[in-house]
Amino acid sequence: LQRRYGNKTSSIRKHLHYCMSKNARLKQTLASKNGEFQKLHLQAADEDQRLESELQKERLRATNAESRTLALEKELHQATQALQLAQSLSHELKSALTRAEYTQ
């Protein structure tokens, strides 16, 4: 029996050893790749957080700019009204002066 199956047993043992060795290398590679994946995942999460923060800042800047624009439009409207009032008063004053000159 030993002579008949000895070579097959040895061959099976060699193949089993090869498979176990390959399995160990694959496990090591998988662990390494998993570590790389975890690192990339954390970097992506950090980048997402950074971009979200930047987006919030840009939204705040846009809101502030819009508020300033509205305030400037209001000031411009008030200045336009003041200018129109001044022009109206200037016209009335000129008319009054002209009437005063004729009455003297």
C-alpha atoms as a PDB file:
ATOM      1  CA  LEU A   1       0.000   0.000   0.000  1.00  0.00           C
ATOM      2  CA  GLN A   2       2.803   2.371   0.902  1.00  0.00           C
ATOM      3  CA  ARG A   3       4.448   1.866  -2.474  1.00  0.00           C
ATOM      4  CA  ARG A   4       1.160   2.104  -4.311  1.00  0.00           C
ATOM      5  CA  TYR A   5      -0.193   5.306  -2.643  1.00  0.00           C
ATOM      6  CA  GLY A   6       2.998   6.843  -1.259  1.00  0.00           C
ATOM      7  CA  ASN A   7       3.630   9.047  -4.260  1.00  0.00           C
ATOM      8  CA  LYS A   8       0.031  10.285  -4.335  1.00  0.00           C
ATOM      9  CA  THR A   9       0.128  11.117  -0.637  1.00  0.00           C
ATOM     10  CA  SER A  10       3.368  13.024  -1.092  1.00  0.00           C
ATOM     11  CA  SER A  11       1.927  14.816  -4.101  1.00  0.00           C
ATOM     12  CA  ILE A  12      -1.232  15.701  -2.175  1.00  0.00           C
ATOM     13  CA  ARG A  13       0.850  16.981   0.752  1.00  0.00           C
ATOM     14  CA  LYS A  14       2.967  19.136  -1.571  1.00  0.00           C
ATOM     15  CA  HIS A  15      -0.145  20.559  -3.228  1.00  0.00           C
ATOM     16  CA  LEU A  16      -1.763  21.185   0.170  1.00  0.00           C
ATOM     17  CA  HIS A  17       1.373  22.988   1.351  1.00  0.00           C
ATOM     18  CA  TYR A  18       1.388  25.074  -1.846  1.00  0.00           C
ATOM     19  CA  CYS A  19      -2.315  25.977  -1.389  1.00  0.00           C
ATOM     20  CA  MET A  20      -1.801  26.901   2.278  1.00  0.00           C
ATOM     21  CA  SER A  21       1.195  29.060   1.366  1.00  0.00           C
ATOM     22  CA  LYS A  22      -0.730  30.757  -1.427  1.00  0.00           C
ATOM     23  CA  ASN A  23      -3.710  31.269   0.911  1.00  0.00           C
ATOM     24  CA  ALA A  24      -1.429  32.940   3.475  1.00  0.00           C
ATOM     25  CA  ARG A  25      -0.009  35.275   0.781  1.00  0.00           C
ATOM     26  CA  LEU A  26      -3.525  36.115  -0.414  1.00  0.00           C
ATOM     27  CA  LYS A  27      -4.640  36.864   3.154  1.00  0.00           C
ATOM     28  CA  GLN A  28      -1.645  39.149   3.583  1.00  0.00           C
ATOM     29  CA  THR A  29      -2.395  40.907   0.281  1.00  0.00           C
ATOM     30  CA  LEU A  30      -6.045  41.256   1.257  1.00  0.00           C
ATOM     31  CA  ALA A  31      -5.090  42.756   4.632  1.00  0.00           C
ATOM     32  CA  SER A  32      -2.749  45.193   2.880  1.00  0.00           C
ATOM     33  CA  LYS A  33      -5.386  46.199   0.331  1.00  0.00           C
ATOM     34  CA  ASN A  34      -7.965  46.546   3.101  1.00  0.00           C
ATOM     35  CA  GLY A  35      -5.584  48.881   4.940  1.00  0.00           C
ATOM     36  CA  GLU A  36      -5.093  50.930   1.778  1.00  0.00           C
ATOM     37  CA  PHE A  37      -8.857  51.044   1.270  1.00  0.00           C
ATOM     38  CA  GLN A  38      -9.428  52.225   4.846  1.00  0.00           C
ATOM     39  CA  LYS A  39      -6.803  54.942   4.382  1.00  0.00           C
ATOM     40  CA  LEU A  40      -8.382  56.103   1.110  1.00  0.00           C
ATOM     41  CA  HIS A  41     -11.834  55.978   2.694  1.00  0.00           C
ATOM     42  CA  LEU A  42     -10.670  58.249   5.535  1.00  0.00           C
ATOM     43  CA  GLN A  43      -9.014  60.620   3.060  1.00  0.00           C
ATOM     44  CA  ALA A  44     -12.221  60.775   1.033  1.00  0.00           C
ATOM     45  CA  ALA A  45     -14.251  61.469   4.174  1.00  0.00           C
ATOM     46  CA  ASP A  46     -11.821  64.266   5.136  1.00  0.00           C
ATOM     47  CA  GLU A  47     -12.053  65.713   1.622  1.00  0.00           C
ATOM     48  CA  ASP A  48     -15.860  65.545   1.734  1.00  0.00           C
ATOM     49  CA  GLN A  49     -15.851  67.380   5.057  1.00  0.00           C
ATOM     50  CA  ARG A  50     -13.428  70.003   3.733  1.00  0.00           C
ATOM     51  CA  LEU A  51     -15.532  70.563   0.617  1.00  0.00           C
ATOM     52  CA  GLU A  52     -18.736  70.769   2.661  1.00  0.00           C
ATOM     53  CA  SER A  53     -17.106  73.371   4.920  1.00  0.00           C
ATOM     54  CA  GLU A  54     -15.936  75.324   1.874  1.00  0.00           C
ATOM     55  CA  LEU A  55     -19.431  75.136   0.395  1.00  0.00           C
ATOM     56  CA  GLN A  56     -20.936  76.472   3.630  1.00  0.00           C
ATOM     57  CA  LYS A  57     -18.445  79.376   3.597  1.00  0.00           C
ATOM     58  CA  GLU A  58     -19.325  80.162  -0.029  1.00  0.00           C
ATOM     59  CA  ARG A  59     -23.032  80.074   0.794  1.00  0.00           C
ATOM     60  CA  LEU A  60     -22.422  82.458   3.694  1.00  0.00           C
ATOM     61  CA  ARG A  61     -20.392  84.775   1.426  1.00  0.00           C
ATOM     62  CA  ALA A  62     -23.195  84.709  -1.148  1.00  0.00           C
ATOM     63  CA  THR A  63     -25.797  85.481   1.517  1.00  0.00           C
ATOM     64  CA  ASN A  64     -23.666  88.341   2.862  1.00  0.00           C
ATOM     65  CA  ALA A  65     -23.118  89.692  -0.642  1.00  0.00           C
ATOM     66  CA  GLU A  66     -26.846  89.532  -1.322  1.00  0.00           C
ATOM     67  CA  SER A  67     -27.560  91.381   1.938  1.00  0.00           C
ATOM     68  CA  ARG A  68     -24.986  94.050   1.065  1.00  0.00           C
ATOM     69  CA  THR A  69     -26.481  94.386  -2.420  1.00  0.00           C
ATOM     70  CA  LEU A  70     -29.970  94.867  -0.982  1.00  0.00           C
ATOM     71  CA  ALA A  71     -28.646  97.445   1.507  1.00  0.00           C
ATOM     72  CA  LEU A  72     -26.831  99.313  -1.287  1.00  0.00           C
ATOM     73  CA  GLU A  73     -29.949  99.250  -3.468  1.00  0.00           C
ATOM     74  CA  LYS A  74     -31.930 100.717  -0.567  1.00  0.00           C
ATOM     75  CA  GLU A  75     -29.290 103.419  -0.039  1.00  0.00           C
ATOM     76  CA  LEU A  76     -29.290 104.183  -3.770  1.00  0.00           C
ATOM     77  CA  HIS A  77     -33.081 104.503  -3.747  1.00  0.00           C
ATOM     78  CA  GLN A  78     -32.925 106.847  -0.739  1.00  0.00           C
ATOM     79  CA  ALA A  79     -30.157 108.894  -2.376  1.00  0.00           C
ATOM     80  CA  THR A  80     -32.196 109.126  -5.591  1.00  0.00           C
ATOM     81  CA  GLN A  81     -35.223 110.345  -3.636  1.00  0.00           C
ATOM     82  CA  ALA A  82     -33.054 112.890  -1.793  1.00  0.00           C
ATOM     83  CA  LEU A  83     -31.609 114.106  -5.103  1.00  0.00           C
ATOM     84  CA  GLN A  84     -35.091 114.471  -6.604  1.00  0.00           C
ATOM     85  CA  LEU A  85     -36.227 116.395  -3.521  1.00  0.00           C
ATOM     86  CA  ALA A  86     -33.141 118.646  -3.717  1.00  0.00           C
ATOM     87  CA  GLN A  87     -33.772 119.282  -7.421  1.00  0.00           C
ATOM     88  CA  SER A  88     -37.404 120.085  -6.686  1.00  0.00           C
ATOM     89  CA  LEU A  89     -36.436 122.452  -3.857  1.00  0.00           C
ATOM     90  CA  SER A  90     -33.790 124.072  -6.073  1.00  0.00           C
ATOM     91  CA  HIS A  91     -36.387 124.644  -8.782  1.00  0.00           C
ATOM     92  CA  GLU A  92     -38.840 126.126  -6.258  1.00  0.00           C
ATOM     93  CA  LEU A  93     -36.102 128.360  -4.842  1.00  0.00           C
ATOM     94  CA  LYS A  94     -35.188 129.625  -8.310  1.00  0.00           C
ATOM     95  CA  SER A  95     -38.846 130.312  -9.019  1.00  0.00           C
ATOM     96  CA  ALA A  96     -39.221 132.174  -5.715  1.00  0.00           C
ATOM     97  CA  LEU A  97     -36.098 134.249  -6.414  1.00  0.00           C
ATOM     98  CA  THR A  98     -37.350 135.067  -9.891  1.00  0.00           C
ATOM     99  CA  ARG A  99     -40.725 136.181  -8.460  1.00  0.00           C
ATOM    100  CA  ALA A 100     -38.956 138.240  -5.774  1.00  0.00           C
ATOM    101  CA  GLU A 101     -36.892 140.055  -8.405  1.00  0.00           C
ATOM    102  CA  TYR A 102     -40.020 140.972 -10.386  1.00  0.00           C
ATOM    103  CA  THR A 103     -41.827 142.251  -7.298  1.00  0.00           C
ATOM    104  CA  GLN A 104     -39.035 144.644  -6.342  1.00  0.00           C
END
